[in-house]
Amino acid sequence: MGARSILAFALSLVAVPGAIGQINPAQQKSTMDKVRNLHLPYVAGPVPVYYSAGFEVRALKYQKAIIACQRWYDQQVGKHVDLTLAVLNKADWEKTTPVAYPMPHNVGVYRSLPPPGVVLPARFEDFPNTADFSDDPELLVENIAYHELGHVYAHFIDMETDDPFLAENQGE
C-alpha cells in the first residue's frame, strides 16, 4: 500500500464517522419550534404560553408573573424582548429539550437556536428534595423564571459571558 493509499484510508476513518454525526444546521429545530410542533394548548398574550394538558391554571399563573417581570426588564434596560413561555410535563419536556426534567431554563440565546423563551416544569414538585427548598414550589418556580428571563435580557443587551459563574450572577 502506497503512502497516498494509507493517507486516503486514514482520512476515510476520520471523515466518514465524523460526517455521519453531523447535523445540517438548516434541519435543526429550536426548542420553541419543537414545543410548537407538539400542538399543545396555547394562550396568546405579551408572553405567549404553551402548556401540557392539565396545567392551564399553573401556566396562566406563570405567564402573568413573566409578563410583569418582562415589563420590569423592559423599563430597566430600555429594550423589549419578545419571548415565549413553555410549561411542560415530563413527557412533553423530553420531546423538546435535552435539559433534564424539571430544571427550568432559558432557550434561544447564547448557544441555542432562536426564538428566545423560558421553559418551566409543569410540576416542580418532582425536583429532587423540593420540600427542602420551599413550602410553595410554584413561588420558587416563578423566582427561577425571573432569573432565566435575566439571562435572556443579558443576551439581548450584549452582557453575555462564557464564564458560568458570572453568567449565573447576571441572571440575578
N, C-alpha and C. Protein backbone atom coordinates (compact mmCIF):
# COMPACT_ATOMS: atom_id res chain seq x y z
N MET A 1 0.85 -1.17 0.00
CA MET A 1 0.00 0.00 0.00
C MET A 1 0.89 1.23 0.00
N GLY A 2 0.64 2.16 -0.91
CA GLY A 2 1.46 3.36 -1.02
C GLY A 2 1.07 4.38 0.03
N ALA A 3 1.88 5.42 0.13
CA ALA A 3 1.66 6.48 1.12
C ALA A 3 0.31 7.17 0.89
N ARG A 4 -0.04 7.39 -0.41
CA ARG A 4 -1.33 8.03 -0.71
C ARG A 4 -2.49 7.15 -0.29
N SER A 5 -2.39 5.87 -0.52
CA SER A 5 -3.46 4.94 -0.14
C SER A 5 -3.64 4.92 1.37
N ILE A 6 -2.53 4.91 2.08
CA ILE A 6 -2.60 4.90 3.55
C ILE A 6 -3.23 6.18 4.05
N LEU A 7 -2.82 7.32 3.48
CA LEU A 7 -3.39 8.61 3.87
C LEU A 7 -4.89 8.66 3.56
N ALA A 8 -5.28 8.20 2.37
CA ALA A 8 -6.69 8.19 1.99
C ALA A 8 -7.50 7.30 2.93
N PHE A 9 -6.93 6.14 3.25
CA PHE A 9 -7.62 5.23 4.17
C PHE A 9 -7.78 5.86 5.55
N ALA A 10 -6.72 6.49 6.05
CA ALA A 10 -6.76 7.13 7.37
C ALA A 10 -7.78 8.26 7.39
N LEU A 11 -7.81 9.06 6.33
CA LEU A 11 -8.78 10.15 6.27
C LEU A 11 -10.21 9.62 6.24
N SER A 12 -10.44 8.52 5.55
CA SER A 12 -11.79 7.95 5.50
C SER A 12 -12.25 7.48 6.87
N LEU A 13 -11.31 6.97 7.67
CA LEU A 13 -11.66 6.52 9.02
C LEU A 13 -12.07 7.68 9.90
N VAL A 14 -11.51 8.85 9.67
CA VAL A 14 -11.82 10.03 10.47
C VAL A 14 -13.02 10.77 9.89
N ALA A 15 -13.02 11.00 8.59
CA ALA A 15 -14.02 11.85 7.96
C ALA A 15 -15.41 11.22 7.91
N VAL A 16 -15.50 9.94 7.57
CA VAL A 16 -16.81 9.32 7.41
C VAL A 16 -17.57 9.26 8.74
N PRO A 17 -16.98 8.73 9.84
CA PRO A 17 -17.73 8.74 11.09
C PRO A 17 -18.08 10.16 11.54
N GLY A 18 -17.20 11.11 11.32
CA GLY A 18 -17.49 12.49 11.70
C GLY A 18 -18.65 13.05 10.91
N ALA A 19 -18.70 12.73 9.63
CA ALA A 19 -19.78 13.22 8.78
C ALA A 19 -21.12 12.59 9.15
N ILE A 20 -21.08 11.34 9.60
CA ILE A 20 -22.32 10.66 9.98
C ILE A 20 -22.99 11.38 11.15
N GLY A 21 -22.19 11.88 12.09
CA GLY A 21 -22.74 12.55 13.26
C GLY A 21 -23.11 14.00 13.03
N GLN A 22 -22.80 14.54 11.86
CA GLN A 22 -23.07 15.94 11.56
C GLN A 22 -24.56 16.15 11.35
N ILE A 23 -25.04 17.28 11.83
CA ILE A 23 -26.43 17.66 11.62
C ILE A 23 -26.42 18.91 10.76
N ASN A 24 -27.21 18.90 9.73
CA ASN A 24 -27.33 20.05 8.87
C ASN A 24 -28.02 21.16 9.66
N PRO A 25 -27.35 22.33 9.87
CA PRO A 25 -27.97 23.40 10.66
C PRO A 25 -29.34 23.81 10.14
N ALA A 26 -29.57 23.70 8.85
CA ALA A 26 -30.87 24.06 8.30
C ALA A 26 -31.96 23.09 8.76
N GLN A 27 -31.57 21.88 9.17
CA GLN A 27 -32.54 20.88 9.61
C GLN A 27 -32.77 20.91 11.12
N GLN A 28 -31.94 21.63 11.86
CA GLN A 28 -32.10 21.69 13.30
C GLN A 28 -33.33 22.52 13.65
N LYS A 29 -33.99 22.15 14.72
CA LYS A 29 -35.15 22.90 15.18
C LYS A 29 -34.85 23.45 16.57
N SER A 30 -35.32 24.66 16.80
CA SER A 30 -35.15 25.26 18.12
C SER A 30 -36.07 24.57 19.12
N THR A 31 -35.78 24.79 20.37
CA THR A 31 -36.64 24.22 21.42
C THR A 31 -38.07 24.72 21.26
N MET A 32 -38.23 26.02 21.02
CA MET A 32 -39.59 26.56 20.89
C MET A 32 -40.30 26.04 19.65
N ASP A 33 -39.56 25.78 18.58
CA ASP A 33 -40.18 25.16 17.40
C ASP A 33 -40.66 23.75 17.74
N LYS A 34 -39.87 23.02 18.51
CA LYS A 34 -40.29 21.67 18.93
C LYS A 34 -41.52 21.74 19.81
N VAL A 35 -41.57 22.74 20.69
CA VAL A 35 -42.75 22.92 21.55
C VAL A 35 -43.98 23.19 20.68
N ARG A 36 -43.85 24.10 19.73
CA ARG A 36 -44.99 24.42 18.83
C ARG A 36 -45.46 23.19 18.07
N ASN A 37 -44.52 22.37 17.64
CA ASN A 37 -44.86 21.17 16.87
C ASN A 37 -45.60 20.12 17.67
N LEU A 38 -45.63 20.24 18.98
CA LEU A 38 -46.39 19.30 19.81
C LEU A 38 -47.89 19.62 19.79
N HIS A 39 -48.25 20.81 19.29
CA HIS A 39 -49.65 21.24 19.22
C HIS A 39 -50.31 21.21 20.60
N LEU A 40 -49.61 21.76 21.57
CA LEU A 40 -50.12 21.84 22.94
C LEU A 40 -51.12 22.98 23.06
N PRO A 41 -51.89 22.98 24.14
CA PRO A 41 -52.75 24.15 24.39
C PRO A 41 -51.87 25.41 24.44
N TYR A 42 -52.47 26.54 24.03
CA TYR A 42 -51.73 27.78 23.85
C TYR A 42 -52.59 28.94 24.28
N VAL A 43 -51.97 29.92 24.94
CA VAL A 43 -52.66 31.16 25.28
C VAL A 43 -51.80 32.31 24.77
N ALA A 44 -52.40 33.17 23.94
CA ALA A 44 -51.68 34.32 23.41
C ALA A 44 -51.50 35.37 24.50
N GLY A 45 -50.73 36.38 24.21
CA GLY A 45 -50.50 37.48 25.13
C GLY A 45 -49.15 38.09 24.90
N PRO A 46 -48.78 39.08 25.71
CA PRO A 46 -47.45 39.69 25.56
C PRO A 46 -46.34 38.65 25.66
N VAL A 47 -46.55 37.62 26.47
CA VAL A 47 -45.68 36.45 26.52
C VAL A 47 -46.57 35.24 26.28
N PRO A 48 -46.63 34.76 25.04
CA PRO A 48 -47.47 33.60 24.78
C PRO A 48 -46.98 32.39 25.56
N VAL A 49 -47.91 31.51 25.93
CA VAL A 49 -47.53 30.34 26.71
C VAL A 49 -48.12 29.07 26.08
N TYR A 50 -47.27 28.08 25.95
CA TYR A 50 -47.68 26.72 25.58
C TYR A 50 -47.60 25.90 26.86
N TYR A 51 -48.55 24.99 27.03
CA TYR A 51 -48.52 24.20 28.25
C TYR A 51 -49.06 22.80 28.00
N SER A 52 -48.56 21.88 28.81
CA SER A 52 -49.01 20.49 28.73
C SER A 52 -50.44 20.40 29.24
N ALA A 53 -51.20 19.46 28.68
CA ALA A 53 -52.59 19.26 29.07
C ALA A 53 -52.70 19.07 30.58
N GLY A 54 -53.70 19.74 31.16
CA GLY A 54 -53.95 19.61 32.59
C GLY A 54 -53.24 20.66 33.44
N PHE A 55 -52.46 21.54 32.82
CA PHE A 55 -51.68 22.51 33.59
C PHE A 55 -51.99 23.96 33.20
N GLU A 56 -53.22 24.20 32.77
CA GLU A 56 -53.61 25.55 32.35
C GLU A 56 -53.52 26.56 33.49
N VAL A 57 -54.02 26.22 34.66
CA VAL A 57 -54.03 27.16 35.78
C VAL A 57 -52.60 27.58 36.14
N ARG A 58 -51.73 26.62 36.25
CA ARG A 58 -50.34 26.92 36.58
C ARG A 58 -49.67 27.71 35.46
N ALA A 59 -49.93 27.34 34.22
CA ALA A 59 -49.32 28.04 33.08
C ALA A 59 -49.76 29.51 33.05
N LEU A 60 -51.05 29.76 33.30
CA LEU A 60 -51.54 31.15 33.29
C LEU A 60 -50.96 31.95 34.45
N LYS A 61 -50.76 31.31 35.58
CA LYS A 61 -50.13 31.98 36.73
C LYS A 61 -48.69 32.36 36.38
N TYR A 62 -47.94 31.44 35.79
CA TYR A 62 -46.56 31.73 35.40
C TYR A 62 -46.51 32.78 34.30
N GLN A 63 -47.45 32.71 33.35
CA GLN A 63 -47.50 33.69 32.28
C GLN A 63 -47.68 35.10 32.85
N LYS A 64 -48.59 35.24 33.78
CA LYS A 64 -48.86 36.55 34.40
C LYS A 64 -47.60 37.07 35.10
N ALA A 65 -46.90 36.19 35.82
CA ALA A 65 -45.68 36.59 36.52
C ALA A 65 -44.58 36.99 35.54
N ILE A 66 -44.42 36.22 34.47
CA ILE A 66 -43.38 36.51 33.47
C ILE A 66 -43.67 37.83 32.75
N ILE A 67 -44.93 38.10 32.47
CA ILE A 67 -45.29 39.37 31.82
C ILE A 67 -44.89 40.55 32.71
N ALA A 68 -45.19 40.45 34.00
CA ALA A 68 -44.82 41.52 34.93
C ALA A 68 -43.29 41.68 34.98
N CYS A 69 -42.59 40.58 35.00
CA CYS A 69 -41.13 40.62 35.03
C CYS A 69 -40.58 41.20 33.73
N GLN A 70 -41.17 40.81 32.61
CA GLN A 70 -40.75 41.34 31.31
C GLN A 70 -40.90 42.86 31.28
N ARG A 71 -42.01 43.36 31.79
CA ARG A 71 -42.23 44.82 31.82
C ARG A 71 -41.14 45.50 32.65
N TRP A 72 -40.81 44.89 33.78
CA TRP A 72 -39.77 45.45 34.64
C TRP A 72 -38.44 45.51 33.90
N TYR A 73 -38.05 44.39 33.25
CA TYR A 73 -36.79 44.38 32.49
C TYR A 73 -36.83 45.40 31.35
N ASP A 74 -37.96 45.50 30.66
CA ASP A 74 -38.08 46.47 29.57
C ASP A 74 -37.76 47.88 30.08
N GLN A 75 -38.32 48.22 31.23
CA GLN A 75 -38.08 49.55 31.81
C GLN A 75 -36.64 49.72 32.26
N GLN A 76 -36.07 48.70 32.86
CA GLN A 76 -34.71 48.80 33.40
C GLN A 76 -33.65 48.92 32.32
N VAL A 77 -33.80 48.15 31.24
CA VAL A 77 -32.75 48.12 30.22
C VAL A 77 -33.11 48.92 28.96
N GLY A 78 -34.35 49.41 28.89
CA GLY A 78 -34.75 50.21 27.75
C GLY A 78 -34.85 49.42 26.46
N LYS A 79 -35.13 48.15 26.58
CA LYS A 79 -35.23 47.29 25.39
C LYS A 79 -36.32 46.24 25.67
N HIS A 80 -37.13 45.99 24.65
CA HIS A 80 -38.15 44.95 24.76
C HIS A 80 -37.67 43.69 24.05
N VAL A 81 -37.88 42.56 24.69
CA VAL A 81 -37.52 41.27 24.09
C VAL A 81 -38.77 40.40 24.03
N ASP A 82 -39.13 39.99 22.82
CA ASP A 82 -40.24 39.05 22.66
C ASP A 82 -39.75 37.66 23.02
N LEU A 83 -40.54 36.94 23.77
CA LEU A 83 -40.19 35.58 24.13
C LEU A 83 -41.45 34.77 24.33
N THR A 84 -41.27 33.47 24.45
CA THR A 84 -42.37 32.53 24.65
C THR A 84 -42.10 31.73 25.91
N LEU A 85 -43.16 31.37 26.60
CA LEU A 85 -43.08 30.56 27.79
C LEU A 85 -43.62 29.17 27.47
N ALA A 86 -42.96 28.16 28.00
CA ALA A 86 -43.46 26.78 27.86
C ALA A 86 -43.51 26.18 29.26
N VAL A 87 -44.65 25.61 29.62
CA VAL A 87 -44.83 24.93 30.91
C VAL A 87 -45.16 23.49 30.56
N LEU A 88 -44.17 22.61 30.79
CA LEU A 88 -44.26 21.26 30.24
C LEU A 88 -44.19 20.16 31.30
N ASN A 89 -44.98 19.10 31.07
CA ASN A 89 -44.84 17.91 31.90
C ASN A 89 -43.61 17.14 31.43
N LYS A 90 -43.27 16.09 32.14
CA LYS A 90 -42.04 15.36 31.83
C LYS A 90 -42.05 14.78 30.41
N ALA A 91 -43.16 14.23 29.98
CA ALA A 91 -43.24 13.60 28.65
C ALA A 91 -43.02 14.64 27.54
N ASP A 92 -43.69 15.79 27.64
CA ASP A 92 -43.52 16.83 26.62
C ASP A 92 -42.12 17.44 26.69
N TRP A 93 -41.61 17.59 27.90
CA TRP A 93 -40.27 18.14 28.12
C TRP A 93 -39.23 17.31 27.37
N GLU A 94 -39.31 16.02 27.55
CA GLU A 94 -38.30 15.13 26.95
C GLU A 94 -38.36 15.11 25.42
N LYS A 95 -39.47 15.55 24.84
CA LYS A 95 -39.58 15.63 23.39
C LYS A 95 -39.01 16.93 22.84
N THR A 96 -38.72 17.89 23.71
CA THR A 96 -38.37 19.22 23.22
C THR A 96 -37.00 19.74 23.66
N THR A 97 -36.47 19.28 24.76
CA THR A 97 -35.23 19.86 25.27
C THR A 97 -34.31 18.78 25.85
N PRO A 98 -33.00 18.95 25.68
CA PRO A 98 -32.06 17.98 26.26
C PRO A 98 -31.80 18.21 27.75
N VAL A 99 -32.29 19.31 28.29
CA VAL A 99 -32.08 19.63 29.70
C VAL A 99 -32.92 18.67 30.55
N ALA A 100 -32.33 18.16 31.60
CA ALA A 100 -33.02 17.19 32.46
C ALA A 100 -34.24 17.80 33.13
N TYR A 101 -35.33 17.06 33.14
CA TYR A 101 -36.56 17.48 33.82
C TYR A 101 -36.35 17.36 35.32
N PRO A 102 -36.76 18.29 36.11
CA PRO A 102 -37.55 19.50 35.86
C PRO A 102 -36.73 20.79 36.00
N MET A 103 -35.57 20.88 35.39
CA MET A 103 -34.68 22.04 35.53
C MET A 103 -35.14 23.21 34.66
N PRO A 104 -35.68 24.27 35.27
CA PRO A 104 -36.08 25.44 34.48
C PRO A 104 -34.87 25.99 33.73
N HIS A 105 -35.11 26.52 32.53
CA HIS A 105 -34.01 27.07 31.75
C HIS A 105 -34.51 28.02 30.67
N ASN A 106 -33.57 28.77 30.13
CA ASN A 106 -33.89 29.67 29.02
C ASN A 106 -33.39 29.04 27.72
N VAL A 107 -33.99 29.44 26.62
CA VAL A 107 -33.62 28.92 25.30
C VAL A 107 -33.60 30.07 24.31
N GLY A 108 -32.96 29.81 23.16
CA GLY A 108 -32.98 30.79 22.08
C GLY A 108 -31.95 31.88 22.20
N VAL A 109 -31.06 31.77 23.18
CA VAL A 109 -29.98 32.73 23.35
C VAL A 109 -28.70 31.95 23.62
N TYR A 110 -27.62 32.65 23.68
CA TYR A 110 -26.31 32.08 23.95
C TYR A 110 -26.00 31.01 22.91
N ARG A 111 -26.02 29.74 23.28
CA ARG A 111 -25.62 28.69 22.33
C ARG A 111 -26.80 27.86 21.83
N SER A 112 -28.01 28.36 21.95
CA SER A 112 -29.16 27.62 21.44
C SER A 112 -29.87 28.44 20.36
N LEU A 113 -30.62 27.76 19.54
CA LEU A 113 -31.28 28.39 18.40
C LEU A 113 -32.44 29.27 18.84
N PRO A 114 -32.60 30.45 18.21
CA PRO A 114 -33.76 31.30 18.50
C PRO A 114 -35.04 30.65 17.99
N PRO A 115 -36.18 31.05 18.43
CA PRO A 115 -36.50 32.25 19.20
C PRO A 115 -36.32 32.05 20.71
N PRO A 116 -36.20 33.17 21.44
CA PRO A 116 -35.97 33.07 22.89
C PRO A 116 -37.22 32.63 23.65
N GLY A 117 -36.97 32.01 24.78
CA GLY A 117 -38.07 31.59 25.64
C GLY A 117 -37.58 31.09 26.98
N VAL A 118 -38.53 30.79 27.83
CA VAL A 118 -38.26 30.21 29.14
C VAL A 118 -39.07 28.92 29.23
N VAL A 119 -38.41 27.86 29.65
CA VAL A 119 -39.05 26.56 29.78
C VAL A 119 -39.12 26.21 31.26
N LEU A 120 -40.36 25.98 31.73
CA LEU A 120 -40.60 25.68 33.14
C LEU A 120 -41.28 24.32 33.28
N PRO A 121 -41.00 23.63 34.36
CA PRO A 121 -41.67 22.34 34.57
C PRO A 121 -43.11 22.55 35.02
N ALA A 122 -43.98 21.69 34.55
CA ALA A 122 -45.38 21.74 34.99
C ALA A 122 -45.48 21.33 36.46
N ARG A 123 -44.57 20.48 36.90
CA ARG A 123 -44.56 20.02 38.30
C ARG A 123 -43.16 20.13 38.88
N PHE A 124 -42.86 21.27 39.48
CA PHE A 124 -41.56 21.41 40.11
C PHE A 124 -41.47 20.54 41.36
N GLU A 125 -42.61 20.08 41.81
CA GLU A 125 -42.64 19.17 42.95
C GLU A 125 -41.85 17.90 42.67
N ASP A 126 -41.61 17.60 41.38
CA ASP A 126 -40.84 16.42 41.00
C ASP A 126 -39.33 16.63 41.15
N PHE A 127 -38.91 17.88 41.38
CA PHE A 127 -37.49 18.16 41.54
C PHE A 127 -37.02 17.50 42.83
N PRO A 128 -35.88 16.81 42.79
CA PRO A 128 -35.40 16.12 44.00
C PRO A 128 -35.26 17.08 45.18
N ASN A 129 -35.76 16.66 46.31
CA ASN A 129 -35.67 17.42 47.56
C ASN A 129 -36.35 18.78 47.51
N THR A 130 -37.40 18.93 46.72
CA THR A 130 -38.10 20.20 46.61
C THR A 130 -38.60 20.68 47.95
N ALA A 131 -39.04 19.78 48.78
CA ALA A 131 -39.56 20.19 50.09
C ALA A 131 -38.51 20.95 50.89
N ASP A 132 -37.25 20.68 50.63
CA ASP A 132 -36.19 21.40 51.32
C ASP A 132 -36.05 22.83 50.84
N PHE A 133 -36.52 23.13 49.62
CA PHE A 133 -36.36 24.47 49.06
C PHE A 133 -37.42 25.44 49.54
N SER A 134 -38.65 25.01 49.55
CA SER A 134 -39.74 25.95 49.76
C SER A 134 -41.03 25.20 50.09
N ASP A 135 -41.88 25.87 50.83
CA ASP A 135 -43.20 25.31 51.07
C ASP A 135 -44.12 25.58 49.89
N ASP A 136 -43.70 26.44 48.98
CA ASP A 136 -44.51 26.81 47.83
C ASP A 136 -43.70 26.64 46.55
N PRO A 137 -43.75 25.44 45.96
CA PRO A 137 -42.94 25.20 44.75
C PRO A 137 -43.29 26.13 43.59
N GLU A 138 -44.55 26.56 43.50
CA GLU A 138 -44.93 27.46 42.41
C GLU A 138 -44.23 28.82 42.56
N LEU A 139 -44.13 29.31 43.78
CA LEU A 139 -43.43 30.57 44.02
C LEU A 139 -41.95 30.42 43.69
N LEU A 140 -41.38 29.30 44.04
CA LEU A 140 -39.98 29.05 43.72
C LEU A 140 -39.76 29.05 42.20
N VAL A 141 -40.66 28.42 41.46
CA VAL A 141 -40.53 28.38 40.00
C VAL A 141 -40.65 29.80 39.43
N GLU A 142 -41.55 30.61 39.97
CA GLU A 142 -41.66 31.98 39.50
C GLU A 142 -40.34 32.72 39.69
N ASN A 143 -39.72 32.56 40.84
CA ASN A 143 -38.44 33.21 41.10
C ASN A 143 -37.36 32.72 40.14
N ILE A 144 -37.34 31.43 39.89
CA ILE A 144 -36.37 30.88 38.94
C ILE A 144 -36.66 31.40 37.53
N ALA A 145 -37.93 31.55 37.19
CA ALA A 145 -38.30 32.08 35.87
C ALA A 145 -37.77 33.50 35.71
N TYR A 146 -37.83 34.32 36.76
CA TYR A 146 -37.29 35.68 36.69
C TYR A 146 -35.79 35.62 36.40
N HIS A 147 -35.12 34.70 37.06
CA HIS A 147 -33.69 34.52 36.85
C HIS A 147 -33.40 34.14 35.39
N GLU A 148 -34.17 33.19 34.85
CA GLU A 148 -33.97 32.76 33.46
C GLU A 148 -34.25 33.90 32.49
N LEU A 149 -35.25 34.69 32.80
CA LEU A 149 -35.55 35.85 31.95
C LEU A 149 -34.37 36.83 31.97
N GLY A 150 -33.69 36.94 33.11
CA GLY A 150 -32.49 37.77 33.21
C GLY A 150 -31.43 37.34 32.22
N HIS A 151 -31.26 36.02 32.05
CA HIS A 151 -30.30 35.52 31.06
C HIS A 151 -30.69 35.95 29.64
N VAL A 152 -31.98 35.88 29.34
CA VAL A 152 -32.45 36.26 28.01
C VAL A 152 -32.14 37.74 27.75
N TYR A 153 -32.47 38.60 28.72
CA TYR A 153 -32.18 40.02 28.55
C TYR A 153 -30.68 40.29 28.48
N ALA A 154 -29.88 39.59 29.27
CA ALA A 154 -28.42 39.77 29.23
C ALA A 154 -27.91 39.52 27.81
N HIS A 155 -28.48 38.52 27.14
CA HIS A 155 -28.09 38.23 25.76
C HIS A 155 -28.39 39.41 24.84
N PHE A 156 -29.59 39.96 24.96
CA PHE A 156 -30.01 40.99 24.03
C PHE A 156 -29.43 42.37 24.32
N ILE A 157 -28.81 42.54 25.48
CA ILE A 157 -28.12 43.81 25.73
C ILE A 157 -26.61 43.60 25.76
N ASP A 158 -26.18 42.50 25.14
CA ASP A 158 -24.75 42.20 24.95
C ASP A 158 -23.97 42.11 26.26
N MET A 159 -24.56 41.44 27.24
CA MET A 159 -23.87 41.25 28.52
C MET A 159 -23.53 39.78 28.77
N GLU A 160 -23.63 38.94 27.75
CA GLU A 160 -23.33 37.52 27.94
C GLU A 160 -21.85 37.31 28.19
N THR A 161 -21.56 36.24 28.88
CA THR A 161 -20.18 35.86 29.15
C THR A 161 -20.05 34.35 29.05
N ASP A 162 -18.86 33.88 28.74
CA ASP A 162 -18.60 32.45 28.72
C ASP A 162 -18.27 31.91 30.10
N ASP A 163 -18.10 32.79 31.06
CA ASP A 163 -17.79 32.38 32.43
C ASP A 163 -19.09 31.96 33.12
N PRO A 164 -19.25 30.68 33.47
CA PRO A 164 -20.51 30.21 34.06
C PRO A 164 -20.87 30.91 35.36
N PHE A 165 -19.88 31.22 36.19
CA PHE A 165 -20.15 31.90 37.45
C PHE A 165 -20.71 33.28 37.21
N LEU A 166 -20.06 34.04 36.32
CA LEU A 166 -20.55 35.38 36.01
C LEU A 166 -21.91 35.32 35.33
N ALA A 167 -22.10 34.36 34.44
CA ALA A 167 -23.37 34.23 33.73
C ALA A 167 -24.52 34.01 34.72
N GLU A 168 -24.31 33.16 35.70
CA GLU A 168 -25.38 32.89 36.68
C GLU A 168 -25.65 34.11 37.55
N ASN A 169 -24.63 34.90 37.83
CA ASN A 169 -24.84 36.12 38.61
C ASN A 169 -25.54 37.18 37.78
N GLN A 170 -25.33 37.19 36.46
CA GLN A 170 -26.03 38.14 35.60
C GLN A 170 -27.52 37.82 35.55
N GLY A 171 -27.87 36.56 35.72
CA GLY A 171 -29.27 36.18 35.70
C GLY A 171 -30.04 36.72 36.89
N GLU A 172 -29.32 37.11 37.91
CA GLU A 172 -29.98 37.58 39.15
C GLU A 172 -30.47 39.00 39.02
